Amino acid sequence: MAPIPLVLDCDPGHDDMVAILLAAGSDAIDLRAITTVAGNGTLEQTTRNALLTCTIAGIRDVPVAAGCDAPLLGALRTAGSVHGESAMDGADLGRPDVALDERHAVDLMADVLRAAGEPVTLVAVGPLTNVALLLRRHPALRTAIGEIVLMGGSASMGNWRPLAEFNIFVDPEAAHVVFSSGLPVTMCGLDVTHQALATEDVLAQLRGLGTPLASTVVDLLGFFADRYRSLWGFPAAPVHDPVAVARVIAPQLVGCVDAHVAIELDGTHTRGATVVDRFGVTGEAPNAQVALELDHAGFWALIVDAIARLGGHRVGSTATARKS
């Protein structure tokens, strides 16, 4: 089967870093672009972290472009308490040596869609600002989008507010644009991503690869785990964002149900909540597939394999690696 053309929109972030590695290291994915948005950190931070990820993993043939530095409405909220001062603390990553594409992320997305001879999958694992602007500015390109697979939301809980997950909370208006677009949408929210724990067994598999890249990933996930233990009492870090990529690579690993998802825009205590109507009580037709179950072993097998394929290089080295 031919690789799936894919654009990854992200806000690195520790789990976004793993999502980039999975997308770049999988033979099932043809990664056409990486775009960044403000979210886990400022746009400057998330873009630098995307370039650092490409640097340490030897990803040289994928354009990286910076996008929106604030949500559609209101002020930006970032997640420094989770990801640290750099938005990806936990290892000395040096300086990026991968160049930033001069285009705005939305323009790069549009160029990829225009040039594609087949539908392109958009995977969005940060606030949905860039994707919403793409849909608004380039409505004619909607037919070039095969589906939108996102990490965000929840059918049952929040992590930034009692009922609101961070990515949706940062820009609920953008999320509303995406969920009301009429395009195929898959939501990989906290219900499924909290199952994606980087357990000690997983970390041992990564250490066993014996590569600089794998070692760096272990260090970064160690920092992430410490934050999750102190903030939420998790036994290990839930690595949210690559679940959306895994859904594209191997859909059977991520079990979904059809449901209508509405975005709460006005609630005093519920702004940013994803209102998931699993049982059709509103009478609204389903507009999304909502992920609820994860094959933990199969999911991590994909990630370990991708990191093994990439190999990576030591910071400051001139050696590069790509898919083997």
Protein backbone atom coordinates (compact mmCIF):
# COMPACT_ATOMS: atom_id res chain seq x y z
CA MET A 1 0.00 0.00 0.00
CA ALA A 2 1.29 3.46 -0.89
CA PRO A 3 2.26 5.76 2.00
CA ILE A 4 -0.44 8.18 3.17
CA PRO A 5 0.35 11.83 2.38
CA LEU A 6 0.21 13.75 5.64
CA VAL A 7 0.71 17.22 7.08
CA LEU A 8 1.48 17.35 10.81
CA ASP A 9 0.41 20.53 12.61
CA CYS A 10 1.88 20.66 16.12
CA ASP A 11 3.02 22.70 19.11
CA PRO A 12 6.09 20.85 20.46
CA GLY A 13 5.94 19.89 23.47
CA HIS A 14 7.25 16.50 24.53
CA ASP A 15 4.43 14.43 23.07
CA ASP A 16 4.44 16.44 19.83
CA MET A 17 8.11 15.54 19.51
CA VAL A 18 7.18 11.85 19.62
CA ALA A 19 4.39 12.47 17.10
CA ILE A 20 6.93 13.99 14.69
CA LEU A 21 9.24 11.01 15.11
CA LEU A 22 6.41 8.54 14.51
CA ALA A 23 5.20 10.33 11.37
CA ALA A 24 8.72 10.72 9.96
CA GLY A 25 9.87 7.22 10.86
CA SER A 26 6.89 5.23 9.59
CA ASP A 27 6.90 3.69 6.12
CA ALA A 28 3.11 4.07 6.11
CA ILE A 29 3.37 7.89 6.12
CA ASP A 30 4.56 10.30 3.44
CA LEU A 31 5.21 13.34 5.63
CA ARG A 32 4.76 16.34 3.35
CA ALA A 33 5.10 19.16 5.91
CA ILE A 34 5.43 20.00 9.59
CA THR A 35 3.68 23.17 10.71
CA THR A 36 3.76 24.82 14.11
CA VAL A 37 1.27 26.77 16.19
CA ALA A 38 1.44 28.45 19.58
CA GLY A 39 0.10 26.27 22.37
CA ASN A 40 2.38 24.32 24.69
CA GLY A 41 4.70 27.29 24.34
CA THR A 42 4.95 30.48 22.36
CA LEU A 43 5.22 30.15 18.59
CA GLU A 44 8.96 30.88 18.81
CA GLN A 45 9.38 28.04 21.32
CA THR A 46 7.23 25.47 19.52
CA THR A 47 8.89 26.22 16.20
CA ARG A 48 12.38 25.93 17.68
CA ASN A 49 11.38 22.63 19.27
CA ALA A 50 10.10 21.29 15.94
CA LEU A 51 13.38 22.25 14.29
CA LEU A 52 15.35 20.69 17.16
CA THR A 53 13.37 17.46 16.78
CA CYS A 54 14.16 17.36 13.07
CA THR A 55 17.82 18.10 13.84
CA ILE A 56 18.32 15.32 16.38
CA ALA A 57 16.35 12.82 14.27
CA GLY A 58 18.04 13.67 10.98
CA ILE A 59 14.79 14.75 9.31
CA ARG A 60 16.07 16.93 6.46
CA ASP A 61 13.57 16.51 3.66
CA VAL A 62 10.36 17.81 5.27
CA PRO A 63 9.61 21.56 5.22
CA VAL A 64 8.87 23.13 8.60
CA ALA A 65 6.85 26.36 8.74
CA ALA A 66 5.64 28.55 11.60
CA GLY A 67 1.99 29.50 11.84
CA CYS A 68 -0.28 31.38 14.21
CA ASP A 69 1.12 32.90 17.39
CA ALA A 70 -2.24 33.38 19.12
CA PRO A 71 -5.75 31.89 19.06
CA LEU A 72 -8.50 33.30 16.85
CA LEU A 73 -9.88 35.23 19.82
CA GLY A 74 -8.34 36.28 23.11
CA ALA A 75 -4.89 35.85 24.60
CA LEU A 76 -2.63 32.83 24.27
CA ARG A 77 -2.42 30.40 27.17
CA THR A 78 0.64 28.16 27.30
CA ALA A 79 1.54 25.04 29.28
CA GLY A 80 4.83 25.88 30.92
CA SER A 81 3.78 24.07 34.09
CA VAL A 82 3.69 20.83 32.07
CA HIS A 83 6.44 21.22 29.46
CA GLY A 84 8.89 23.54 31.21
CA GLU A 85 10.46 26.88 30.34
CA SER A 86 11.48 25.85 26.82
CA ALA A 87 8.20 23.99 26.22
CA MET A 88 10.33 20.83 25.86
CA ASP A 89 12.58 20.65 28.92
CA GLY A 90 14.47 17.56 30.02
CA ALA A 91 17.50 17.27 27.73
CA ASP A 92 20.22 19.47 26.27
CA LEU A 93 19.22 19.54 22.61
CA GLY A 94 21.77 22.10 21.43
CA ARG A 95 20.85 24.33 18.51
CA PRO A 96 18.72 23.44 15.50
CA ASP A 97 20.48 23.17 12.16
CA VAL A 98 17.37 22.57 10.06
CA ALA A 99 16.17 25.67 8.21
CA LEU A 100 12.71 27.13 8.72
CA ASP A 101 10.56 27.42 5.60
CA GLU A 102 9.81 31.08 4.85
CA ARG A 103 6.13 30.45 4.20
CA HIS A 104 3.44 30.86 6.83
CA ALA A 105 2.19 27.48 7.99
CA VAL A 106 -1.24 28.03 6.42
CA ASP A 107 0.38 28.89 3.08
CA LEU A 108 2.58 25.79 3.26
CA MET A 109 -0.47 23.64 4.01
CA ALA A 110 -2.30 25.17 1.06
CA ASP A 111 0.66 24.59 -1.26
CA VAL A 112 0.87 20.94 -0.20
CA LEU A 113 -2.84 20.45 -0.83
CA ARG A 114 -2.67 22.11 -4.26
CA ALA A 115 0.29 20.01 -5.33
CA ALA A 116 -1.09 16.70 -4.09
CA GLY A 117 -2.49 14.27 -6.62
CA GLU A 118 -4.48 12.51 -3.91
CA PRO A 119 -6.24 13.47 -0.68
CA VAL A 120 -3.94 14.60 2.12
CA THR A 121 -4.54 13.75 5.77
CA LEU A 122 -4.15 16.63 8.22
CA VAL A 123 -3.04 15.54 11.68
CA ALA A 124 -3.37 18.37 14.19
CA VAL A 125 -1.98 17.83 17.68
CA GLY A 126 -2.03 21.37 19.05
CA PRO A 127 -4.62 24.14 19.14
CA LEU A 128 -6.54 24.11 15.86
CA THR A 129 -5.84 27.73 14.86
CA ASN A 130 -3.80 26.96 11.73
CA VAL A 131 -6.30 24.37 10.49
CA ALA A 132 -9.26 26.67 11.06
CA LEU A 133 -7.56 29.47 9.11
CA LEU A 134 -6.74 27.07 6.29
CA LEU A 135 -10.41 26.08 6.02
CA ARG A 136 -11.55 29.70 6.10
CA ARG A 137 -8.99 31.14 3.70
CA HIS A 138 -8.92 28.27 1.19
CA PRO A 139 -12.42 26.74 1.03
CA ALA A 140 -11.74 25.38 -2.45
CA LEU A 141 -8.98 23.19 -1.06
CA ARG A 142 -11.30 21.27 1.26
CA THR A 143 -11.73 18.62 -1.41
CA ALA A 144 -7.99 17.93 -1.22
CA ILE A 145 -8.27 17.01 2.49
CA GLY A 146 -8.89 13.33 3.03
CA GLU A 147 -9.55 13.67 6.75
CA ILE A 148 -8.57 15.63 9.84
CA VAL A 149 -7.26 13.57 12.74
CA LEU A 150 -6.68 15.59 15.88
CA MET A 151 -5.48 15.22 19.43
CA GLY A 152 -7.79 17.20 21.62
CA GLY A 153 -10.95 17.16 23.64
CA SER A 154 -12.53 14.45 25.72
CA ALA A 155 -15.81 12.62 26.10
CA SER A 156 -15.59 12.58 29.87
CA MET A 157 -13.08 14.94 31.50
CA GLY A 158 -10.70 17.84 31.14
CA ASN A 159 -7.09 18.47 32.06
CA TRP A 160 -6.89 22.26 31.89
CA ARG A 161 -10.37 22.94 33.23
CA PRO A 162 -12.69 20.34 34.77
CA LEU A 163 -14.34 19.66 31.40
CA ALA A 164 -11.88 21.18 28.92
CA GLU A 165 -8.74 19.62 27.42
CA PHE A 166 -5.83 21.99 26.79
CA ASN A 167 -5.69 22.07 22.96
CA ILE A 168 -9.40 22.82 22.62
CA PHE A 169 -9.40 25.23 25.57
CA VAL A 170 -6.63 27.35 24.02
CA ASP A 171 -8.69 28.03 20.87
CA PRO A 172 -12.28 26.76 21.09
CA GLU A 173 -13.40 28.96 18.19
CA ALA A 174 -10.90 27.23 15.91
CA ALA A 175 -12.12 23.84 17.15
CA HIS A 176 -15.69 24.88 16.34
CA VAL A 177 -14.64 25.68 12.76
CA VAL A 178 -13.04 22.25 12.38
CA PHE A 179 -15.85 20.19 13.90
CA SER A 180 -18.50 22.06 11.91
CA SER A 181 -16.56 21.86 8.62
CA GLY A 182 -18.35 18.81 7.25
CA LEU A 183 -15.00 17.10 6.67
CA PRO A 184 -14.21 13.67 8.14
CA VAL A 185 -12.84 14.32 11.65
CA THR A 186 -11.38 11.88 14.14
CA MET A 187 -10.94 13.12 17.70
CA CYS A 188 -8.26 11.42 19.80
CA GLY A 189 -9.00 12.93 23.18
CA LEU A 190 -7.99 12.27 26.76
CA ASP A 191 -10.17 9.15 27.00
CA VAL A 192 -7.75 7.35 24.69
CA THR A 193 -4.52 9.29 25.14
CA HIS A 194 -4.47 8.72 28.90
CA GLN A 195 -4.02 5.05 27.94
CA ALA A 196 -0.80 5.88 26.02
CA LEU A 197 1.45 5.67 29.07
CA ALA A 198 5.22 5.59 28.60
CA THR A 199 5.66 2.84 31.19
CA GLU A 200 9.00 1.58 32.43
CA ASP A 201 8.68 -1.34 30.01
CA VAL A 202 8.30 1.11 27.13
CA LEU A 203 11.29 3.15 28.29
CA ALA A 204 13.34 -0.04 28.55
CA GLN A 205 12.51 -0.85 24.93
CA LEU A 206 13.67 2.62 23.89
CA ARG A 207 16.89 2.34 25.92
CA GLY A 208 17.49 -1.01 24.28
CA LEU A 209 17.73 0.64 20.87
CA GLY A 210 21.07 2.10 21.97
CA THR A 211 20.83 5.18 19.74
CA PRO A 212 21.38 8.83 20.67
CA LEU A 213 17.86 9.65 19.52
CA ALA A 214 16.27 6.96 21.67
CA SER A 215 18.33 8.11 24.67
CA THR A 216 17.15 11.68 24.15
CA VAL A 217 13.53 10.58 23.92
CA VAL A 218 13.89 8.67 27.21
CA ASP A 219 15.35 11.74 28.91
CA LEU A 220 12.55 13.97 27.64
CA LEU A 221 9.84 11.53 28.63
CA GLY A 222 11.42 11.29 32.08
CA PHE A 223 10.91 15.02 32.58
CA PHE A 224 7.36 14.74 31.20
CA ALA A 225 6.59 11.87 33.58
CA ASP A 226 7.83 13.85 36.59
CA ARG A 227 5.49 16.70 35.70
CA TYR A 228 2.52 14.35 35.28
CA ARG A 229 3.24 12.69 38.62
CA SER A 230 3.43 16.01 40.45
CA LEU A 231 0.47 17.68 38.74
CA TRP A 232 -1.99 14.84 38.23
CA GLY A 233 -0.62 11.81 40.06
CA PHE A 234 -0.01 9.72 36.93
CA PRO A 235 2.28 6.70 37.30
CA ALA A 236 3.89 7.44 33.93
CA ALA A 237 3.64 10.06 31.21
CA PRO A 238 0.63 9.83 28.87
CA VAL A 239 2.11 10.55 25.45
CA HIS A 240 -0.97 12.08 23.85
CA ASP A 241 -0.12 13.36 20.40
CA PRO A 242 1.30 10.31 18.61
CA VAL A 243 -2.03 8.56 19.19
CA ALA A 244 -3.46 10.68 16.37
CA VAL A 245 -0.61 9.66 14.07
CA ALA A 246 -1.01 6.00 15.05
CA ARG A 247 -4.70 6.19 14.13
CA VAL A 248 -3.63 7.05 10.58
CA ILE A 249 -0.91 4.41 10.36
CA ALA A 250 -2.86 1.54 11.93
CA PRO A 251 -6.52 2.45 12.52
CA GLN A 252 -7.20 -0.85 14.26
CA LEU A 253 -5.02 0.22 17.19
CA VAL A 254 -7.34 3.12 18.08
CA GLY A 255 -10.96 2.14 18.63
CA CYS A 256 -13.53 4.82 17.80
CA VAL A 257 -17.27 5.44 17.97
CA ASP A 258 -19.33 7.79 15.82
CA ALA A 259 -20.73 10.79 17.69
CA HIS A 260 -21.73 14.41 17.33
CA VAL A 261 -19.17 16.72 18.93
CA ALA A 262 -20.03 20.32 19.78
CA ILE A 263 -17.61 22.87 21.21
CA GLU A 264 -18.70 24.91 24.21
CA LEU A 265 -17.82 28.55 23.45
CA ASP A 266 -19.66 30.50 26.14
CA GLY A 267 -19.89 28.54 29.40
CA THR A 268 -18.45 30.23 32.47
CA HIS A 269 -17.08 26.92 33.74
CA THR A 270 -17.16 24.88 30.55
CA ARG A 271 -15.62 27.01 27.77
CA GLY A 272 -13.51 24.73 25.59
CA ALA A 273 -15.35 21.56 26.52
CA THR A 274 -16.05 19.01 23.79
CA VAL A 275 -19.68 17.96 24.20
CA VAL A 276 -19.74 14.39 22.87
CA ASP A 277 -23.20 13.00 22.16
CA ARG A 278 -22.43 9.28 22.11
CA PHE A 279 -26.05 8.18 22.33
CA GLY A 280 -27.74 10.61 19.93
CA VAL A 281 -29.78 12.40 22.57
CA THR A 282 -29.52 15.74 20.73
CA GLY A 283 -30.74 14.31 17.45
CA GLU A 284 -27.67 15.72 15.71
CA ALA A 285 -25.99 13.51 13.13
CA PRO A 286 -22.47 12.32 14.03
CA ASN A 287 -19.77 14.69 12.80
CA ALA A 288 -16.73 12.85 14.16
CA GLN A 289 -15.21 9.57 15.12
CA VAL A 290 -14.30 9.73 18.80
CA ALA A 291 -11.43 7.53 19.98
CA LEU A 292 -11.97 5.62 23.22
CA GLU A 293 -9.71 2.54 23.17
CA LEU A 294 -6.00 2.03 22.54
CA ASP A 295 -3.95 -1.10 21.88
CA HIS A 296 -1.10 -0.03 24.17
CA ALA A 297 1.42 -2.65 23.01
CA GLY A 298 0.69 -2.12 19.32
CA PHE A 299 0.86 1.66 19.71
CA TRP A 300 4.28 1.62 21.38
CA ALA A 301 5.58 -0.96 18.91
CA LEU A 302 4.95 1.59 16.14
CA ILE A 303 6.83 4.29 18.02
CA VAL A 304 9.80 2.14 18.96
CA ASP A 305 10.09 0.94 15.37
CA ALA A 306 9.94 4.51 14.01
CA ILE A 307 12.63 5.73 16.41
CA ALA A 308 14.80 2.74 15.51
CA ARG A 309 14.43 3.56 11.81
CA LEU A 310 15.34 7.20 12.26
CA GLY A 311 18.41 6.51 14.35
CA GLY A 312 19.29 10.15 14.70
CA HIS A 313 22.66 11.67 15.54
CA ARG A 314 24.39 13.40 18.38
CA VAL A 315 23.83 17.10 18.75
CA GLY A 316 26.58 18.90 16.86
CA SER A 317 27.30 15.92 14.58
CA THR A 318 27.10 16.25 10.81
CA ALA A 319 25.84 12.71 10.39
CA THR A 320 22.19 12.40 9.48
CA ALA A 321 19.73 9.57 9.30
CA ARG A 322 16.45 9.01 7.52
CA LYS A 323 14.16 6.04 7.07
CA SER A 324 16.06 2.87 6.32
